C-alpha atoms as a PDB file:
ATOM      1  CA  MET A   1       0.000   0.000   0.000  1.00  0.00           C
ATOM      2  CA  GLY A   2       1.290   3.455  -0.887  1.00  0.00           C
ATOM      3  CA  GLU A   3       2.223   6.166   1.537  1.00  0.00           C
ATOM      4  CA  GLN A   4      -0.812   8.006   2.925  1.00  0.00           C
ATOM      5  CA  LYS A   5      -0.975  11.632   1.842  1.00  0.00           C
ATOM      6  CA  THR A   6      -1.542  14.165   4.594  1.00  0.00           C
ATOM      7  CA  MET A   7      -4.527  16.341   3.802  1.00  0.00           C
ATOM      8  CA  THR A   8      -6.304  18.941   5.850  1.00  0.00           C
ATOM      9  CA  ARG A   9     -10.048  19.262   5.854  1.00  0.00           C
ATOM     10  CA  ASP A  10      -9.696  22.223   3.465  1.00  0.00           C
ATOM     11  CA  ASP A  11      -7.438  20.146   1.164  1.00  0.00           C
ATOM     12  CA  VAL A  12     -10.115  17.463   0.988  1.00  0.00           C
ATOM     13  CA  MET A  13     -12.771  20.116   0.282  1.00  0.00           C
ATOM     14  CA  ARG A  14     -10.694  21.651  -2.558  1.00  0.00           C
ATOM     15  CA  SER A  15      -9.789  18.257  -4.012  1.00  0.00           C
ATOM     16  CA  THR A  16     -13.390  17.053  -3.888  1.00  0.00           C
ATOM     17  CA  LEU A  17     -14.695  20.255  -5.441  1.00  0.00           C
ATOM     18  CA  ALA A  18     -12.085  20.024  -8.217  1.00  0.00           C
ATOM     19  CA  HIS A  19     -13.162  16.428  -8.885  1.00  0.00           C
ATOM     20  CA  VAL A  20     -16.866  17.318  -8.950  1.00  0.00           C
ATOM     21  CA  ARG A  21     -16.211  20.213 -11.343  1.00  0.00           C
ATOM     22  CA  ARG A  22     -14.006  18.020 -13.567  1.00  0.00           C
ATOM     23  CA  VAL A  23     -16.736  15.394 -13.843  1.00  0.00           C
ATOM     24  CA  GLY A  24     -19.201  18.160 -14.707  1.00  0.00           C
ATOM     25  CA  SER A  25     -16.853  19.416 -17.423  1.00  0.00           C
ATOM     26  CA  LEU A  26     -16.460  15.921 -18.901  1.00  0.00           C
ATOM     27  CA  LEU A  27     -20.233  15.417 -18.838  1.00  0.00           C
ATOM     28  CA  GLY A  28     -20.521  18.749 -20.628  1.00  0.00           C
ATOM     29  CA  ASP A  29     -18.230  17.391 -23.361  1.00  0.00           C
ATOM     30  CA  CYS A  30     -20.578  14.418 -23.755  1.00  0.00           C
ATOM     31  CA  ALA A  31     -23.669  16.632 -23.757  1.00  0.00           C
ATOM     32  CA  PHE A  32     -22.099  18.935 -26.347  1.00  0.00           C
ATOM     33  CA  ASP A  33     -21.396  15.972 -28.623  1.00  0.00           C
ATOM     34  CA  LEU A  34     -24.988  14.752 -28.244  1.00  0.00           C
ATOM     35  CA  ILE A  35     -26.299  18.243 -29.068  1.00  0.00           C
ATOM     36  CA  LYS A  36     -24.148  18.303 -32.220  1.00  0.00           C
ATOM     37  CA  ARG A  37     -25.535  14.884 -33.161  1.00  0.00           C
ATOM     38  CA  ALA A  38     -29.100  16.065 -32.512  1.00  0.00           C
ATOM     39  CA  ASN A  39     -28.599  18.997 -34.873  1.00  0.00           C
ATOM     40  CA  CYS A  40     -27.402  16.870 -37.795  1.00  0.00           C
ATOM     41  CA  HIS A  41     -29.035  13.482 -37.132  1.00  0.00           C
ATOM     42  CA  ASP A  42     -29.793  11.682 -40.410  1.00  0.00           C
ATOM     43  CA  ASP A  43     -29.075  14.740 -42.578  1.00  0.00           C
ATOM     44  CA  SER A  44     -28.078  12.308 -45.331  1.00  0.00           C
ATOM     45  CA  LYS A  45     -31.765  11.349 -45.714  1.00  0.00           C
ATOM     46  CA  PHE A  46     -32.191  14.619 -47.592  1.00  0.00           C
ATOM     47  CA  SER A  47     -29.404  13.814 -50.058  1.00  0.00           C
ATOM     48  CA  PRO A  48     -30.159  12.836 -53.667  1.00  0.00           C
ATOM     49  CA  GLU A  49     -28.876   9.325 -52.892  1.00  0.00           C
ATOM     50  CA  GLU A  50     -31.536   8.778 -50.230  1.00  0.00           C
ATOM     51  CA  PHE A  51     -34.451  11.196 -50.302  1.00  0.00           C
ATOM     52  CA  GLU A  52     -36.600   9.791 -53.122  1.00  0.00           C
ATOM     53  CA  ALA A  53     -36.230   6.252 -51.798  1.00  0.00           C
ATOM     54  CA  PHE A  54     -37.378   7.346 -48.344  1.00  0.00           C
ATOM     55  CA  VAL A  55     -40.303   9.304 -49.867  1.00  0.00           C
ATOM     56  CA  GLU A  56     -41.453   6.051 -51.449  1.00  0.00           C
ATOM     57  CA  ALA A  57     -40.690   3.716 -48.552  1.00  0.00           C
ATOM     58  CA  THR A  58     -41.703   5.657 -45.425  1.00  0.00           C
ATOM     59  CA  PRO A  59     -45.493   5.356 -45.838  1.00  0.00           C
ATOM     60  CA  ARG A  60     -45.203   1.669 -46.744  1.00  0.00           C
ATOM     61  CA  LEU A  61     -42.906   0.918 -43.786  1.00  0.00           C
ATOM     62  CA  ALA A  62     -45.288   2.640 -41.345  1.00  0.00           C
ATOM     63  CA  GLY A  63     -47.869  -0.055 -42.020  1.00  0.00           C
ATOM     64  CA  THR A  64     -45.481  -2.942 -41.411  1.00  0.00           C
ATOM     65  CA  THR A  65     -44.319  -4.583 -38.199  1.00  0.00           C
ATOM     66  CA  TYR A  66     -40.633  -4.028 -37.523  1.00  0.00           C
ATOM     67  CA  GLY A  67     -38.643  -7.152 -38.305  1.00  0.00           C
ATOM     68  CA  SER A  68     -41.475  -8.863 -40.222  1.00  0.00           C
ATOM     69  CA  ASP A  69     -41.013 -10.425 -43.653  1.00  0.00           C
ATOM     70  CA  GLU A  70     -43.046  -7.568 -45.156  1.00  0.00           C
ATOM     71  CA  TYR A  71     -40.759  -5.038 -43.437  1.00  0.00           C
ATOM     72  CA  ARG A  72     -37.613  -6.759 -44.726  1.00  0.00           C
ATOM     73  CA  GLU A  73     -39.051  -6.957 -48.265  1.00  0.00           C
ATOM     74  CA  SER A  74     -39.799  -3.214 -48.175  1.00  0.00           C
ATOM     75  CA  LEU A  75     -36.213  -2.489 -47.181  1.00  0.00           C
ATOM     76  CA  LYS A  76     -34.892  -4.512 -50.118  1.00  0.00           C
ATOM     77  CA  LEU A  77     -36.622  -2.034 -52.438  1.00  0.00           C
ATOM     78  CA  ILE A  78     -34.501   0.815 -51.097  1.00  0.00           C
ATOM     79  CA  ARG A  79     -31.250  -1.085 -50.441  1.00  0.00           C
ATOM     80  CA  PRO A  80     -28.952   1.388 -52.286  1.00  0.00           C
ATOM     81  CA  ALA A  81     -30.345   4.303 -50.243  1.00  0.00           C
ATOM     82  CA  LEU A  82     -29.991   2.320 -46.999  1.00  0.00           C
ATOM     83  CA  ASP A  83     -26.411   1.372 -47.846  1.00  0.00           C
ATOM     84  CA  HIS A  84     -25.620   5.057 -48.465  1.00  0.00           C
ATOM     85  CA  HIS A  85     -27.405   6.023 -45.254  1.00  0.00           C
ATOM     86  CA  ASN A  86     -25.554   3.488 -43.117  1.00  0.00           C
ATOM     87  CA  ALA A  87     -22.220   4.463 -44.656  1.00  0.00           C
ATOM     88  CA  HIS A  88     -22.761   8.111 -43.661  1.00  0.00           C
ATOM     89  CA  ASN A  89     -24.269   7.710 -40.179  1.00  0.00           C
ATOM     90  CA  ARG A  90     -22.150   6.174 -37.430  1.00  0.00           C
ATOM     91  CA  HIS A  91     -25.101   5.594 -35.074  1.00  0.00           C
ATOM     92  CA  HIS A  92     -26.047   2.605 -37.247  1.00  0.00           C
ATOM     93  CA  PRO A  93     -24.267  -0.672 -36.444  1.00  0.00           C
ATOM     94  CA  GLU A  94     -23.987  -1.322 -40.198  1.00  0.00           C
ATOM     95  CA  HIS A  95     -21.681   1.705 -40.440  1.00  0.00           C
ATOM     96  CA  HIS A  96     -18.925  -0.159 -38.594  1.00  0.00           C
ATOM     97  CA  ALA A  97     -16.876  -3.067 -39.918  1.00  0.00           C
ATOM     98  CA  ASP A  98     -17.387  -4.865 -36.595  1.00  0.00           C
ATOM     99  CA  GLY A  99     -21.010  -3.801 -36.185  1.00  0.00           C
ATOM    100  CA  ILE A 100     -22.300  -2.713 -32.813  1.00  0.00           C
ATOM    101  CA  LYS A 101     -18.933  -3.611 -31.226  1.00  0.00           C
ATOM    102  CA  GLY A 102     -17.361  -0.744 -33.190  1.00  0.00           C
ATOM    103  CA  MET A 103     -19.682   1.841 -31.680  1.00  0.00           C
ATOM    104  CA  ASN A 104     -18.977   4.174 -28.787  1.00  0.00           C
ATOM    105  CA  LEU A 105     -21.436   5.075 -26.024  1.00  0.00           C
ATOM    106  CA  LEU A 106     -22.562   8.258 -27.748  1.00  0.00           C
ATOM    107  CA  ASP A 107     -23.253   6.293 -30.954  1.00  0.00           C
ATOM    108  CA  LEU A 108     -25.324   3.886 -28.866  1.00  0.00           C
ATOM    109  CA  ILE A 109     -27.322   6.690 -27.262  1.00  0.00           C
ATOM    110  CA  GLU A 110     -28.094   8.175 -30.675  1.00  0.00           C
ATOM    111  CA  MET A 111     -28.981   4.690 -31.947  1.00  0.00           C
ATOM    112  CA  LEU A 112     -31.412   4.106 -29.075  1.00  0.00           C
ATOM    113  CA  CYS A 113     -33.020   7.520 -29.655  1.00  0.00           C
ATOM    114  CA  ASP A 114     -33.323   6.642 -33.349  1.00  0.00           C
ATOM    115  CA  TRP A 115     -34.970   3.323 -32.518  1.00  0.00           C
ATOM    116  CA  LYS A 116     -37.430   5.023 -30.172  1.00  0.00           C
ATOM    117  CA  ALA A 117     -38.375   7.613 -32.800  1.00  0.00           C
ATOM    118  CA  ALA A 118     -38.687   4.881 -35.439  1.00  0.00           C
ATOM    119  CA  THR A 119     -41.191   2.974 -33.280  1.00  0.00           C
ATOM    120  CA  GLU A 120     -43.319   6.116 -33.226  1.00  0.00           C
ATOM    121  CA  ARG A 121     -43.548   6.030 -37.040  1.00  0.00           C
ATOM    122  CA  HIS A 122     -44.922   2.466 -37.135  1.00  0.00           C
ATOM    123  CA  ASN A 123     -48.576   1.714 -36.515  1.00  0.00           C
ATOM    124  CA  ASP A 124     -47.588  -1.017 -34.050  1.00  0.00           C
ATOM    125  CA  GLY A 125     -44.142   0.222 -32.995  1.00  0.00           C
ATOM    126  CA  CYS A 126     -42.715  -1.197 -29.766  1.00  0.00           C
ATOM    127  CA  LEU A 127     -39.268  -0.279 -28.459  1.00  0.00           C
ATOM    128  CA  THR A 128     -39.018  -3.435 -26.355  1.00  0.00           C
ATOM    129  CA  ARG A 129     -39.692  -5.577 -29.424  1.00  0.00           C
ATOM    130  CA  SER A 130     -37.112  -3.578 -31.418  1.00  0.00           C
ATOM    131  CA  ILE A 131     -34.461  -4.106 -28.736  1.00  0.00           C
ATOM    132  CA  ILE A 132     -35.175  -7.856 -28.710  1.00  0.00           C
ATOM    133  CA  ILE A 133     -35.194  -8.219 -32.509  1.00  0.00           C
ATOM    134  CA  ASN A 134     -32.005  -6.217 -32.780  1.00  0.00           C
ATOM    135  CA  ALA A 135     -30.270  -8.389 -30.168  1.00  0.00           C
ATOM    136  CA  GLU A 136     -30.392 -11.221 -32.670  1.00  0.00           C
ATOM    137  CA  ARG A 137     -29.855  -8.973 -35.696  1.00  0.00           C
ATOM    138  CA  PHE A 138     -26.756  -7.250 -34.315  1.00  0.00           C
ATOM    139  CA  GLY A 139     -25.505 -10.039 -32.055  1.00  0.00           C
ATOM    140  CA  TYR A 140     -25.657  -8.420 -28.648  1.00  0.00           C
ATOM    141  CA  SER A 141     -26.291 -10.187 -25.354  1.00  0.00           C
ATOM    142  CA  PRO A 142     -29.365 -10.117 -23.109  1.00  0.00           C
ATOM    143  CA  ASP A 143     -27.277  -8.054 -20.640  1.00  0.00           C
ATOM    144  CA  PHE A 144     -26.610  -5.451 -23.328  1.00  0.00           C
ATOM    145  CA  ALA A 145     -30.315  -5.512 -24.273  1.00  0.00           C
ATOM    146  CA  ARG A 146     -31.149  -4.957 -20.582  1.00  0.00           C
ATOM    147  CA  MET A 147     -28.869  -1.903 -20.491  1.00  0.00           C
ATOM    148  CA  LEU A 148     -30.597  -0.422 -23.558  1.00  0.00           C
ATOM    149  CA  TRP A 149     -33.996  -1.275 -22.090  1.00  0.00           C
ATOM    150  CA  LYS A 150     -33.163   0.238 -18.688  1.00  0.00           C
ATOM    151  CA  THR A 151     -31.881   3.396 -20.386  1.00  0.00           C
ATOM    152  CA  ALA A 152     -35.115   3.696 -22.372  1.00  0.00           C
ATOM    153  CA  GLN A 153     -37.101   3.028 -19.217  1.00  0.00           C
ATOM    154  CA  SER A 154     -35.231   5.796 -17.368  1.00  0.00           C
ATOM    155  CA  PHE A 155     -36.422   8.265 -20.027  1.00  0.00           C
ATOM    156  CA  GLY A 156     -40.019   7.081 -19.695  1.00  0.00           C
ATOM    157  CA  TRP A 157     -39.982   5.416 -23.128  1.00  0.00           C
ATOM    158  CA  ILE A 158     -40.876   2.053 -21.549  1.00  0.00           C
ATOM    159  CA  ASP A 159     -43.364   1.624 -18.702  1.00  0.00           C
ATOM    160  CA  PRO A 160     -41.440   1.751 -15.398  1.00  0.00           C
ATOM    161  CA  GLU A 161     -43.773  -0.909 -13.958  1.00  0.00           C
ATOM    162  CA  HIS A 162     -42.521  -3.527 -16.440  1.00  0.00           C
ATOM    163  CA  GLU A 163     -39.617  -5.796 -15.585  1.00  0.00           C
ATOM    164  CA  PHE A 164     -36.938  -6.582 -18.166  1.00  0.00           C
ATOM    165  CA  ASP A 165     -37.006 -10.358 -17.688  1.00  0.00           C
ATOM    166  CA  ASP A 166     -40.768 -10.439 -18.280  1.00  0.00           C
ATOM    167  CA  ALA A 167     -40.447  -8.132 -21.299  1.00  0.00           C
ATOM    168  CA  TRP A 168     -37.564 -10.207 -22.691  1.00  0.00           C
ATOM    169  CA  ALA A 169     -39.516 -13.475 -22.319  1.00  0.00           C
ATOM    170  CA  THR A 170     -42.696 -12.020 -23.830  1.00  0.00           C
ATOM    171  CA  ALA A 171     -40.920 -10.283 -26.706  1.00  0.00           C
ATOM    172  CA  THR A 172     -38.673 -13.267 -27.425  1.00  0.00           C
ATOM    173  CA  GLU A 173     -41.746 -15.491 -27.567  1.00  0.00           C
ATOM    174  CA  ALA A 174     -43.575 -13.012 -29.842  1.00  0.00           C
ATOM    175  CA  VAL A 175     -40.545 -12.608 -32.115  1.00  0.00           C
ATOM    176  CA  GLY A 176     -40.140 -16.379 -32.332  1.00  0.00           C
ATOM    177  CA  SER A 177     -43.757 -16.843 -33.392  1.00  0.00           C
ATOM    178  CA  SER A 178     -43.752 -14.153 -36.090  1.00  0.00           C
END
């Protein structure tokens, strides 16, 4: 064990205050990055490579269930636009050579926000179901799914009365039967 540093009460107060302020500054860096992302999220959708495809596909996709055969068939019709979109937006796992494992925490936050907003565009959108479907699609663990789910729950996007294990079992069963 190292030598104990002698600190007065005032030293501890100054050191603790410096730490608290430093954490606040680092959180500010994160918040600033998220604000920048919010201001330019999915700007590529307005590019010539993407816009017309999304004009055609968006109404059709709204009437499908995320992850269904009909949904996947609709995406095939706009594959070139989706490939362009994923290549230009790092909050999509497809952007990274190693998928979701290549993403940082801020990418993941933007991704989760994107998934939540996408569920609001579907007639039967469900963030829990999206998290479960995407666990298989992107190869992440139930523990990682729980972290996404708990984050969404903390924002009020998922009912706080629901338990993850129950939601996982129900959604996994529903996904398996579709």
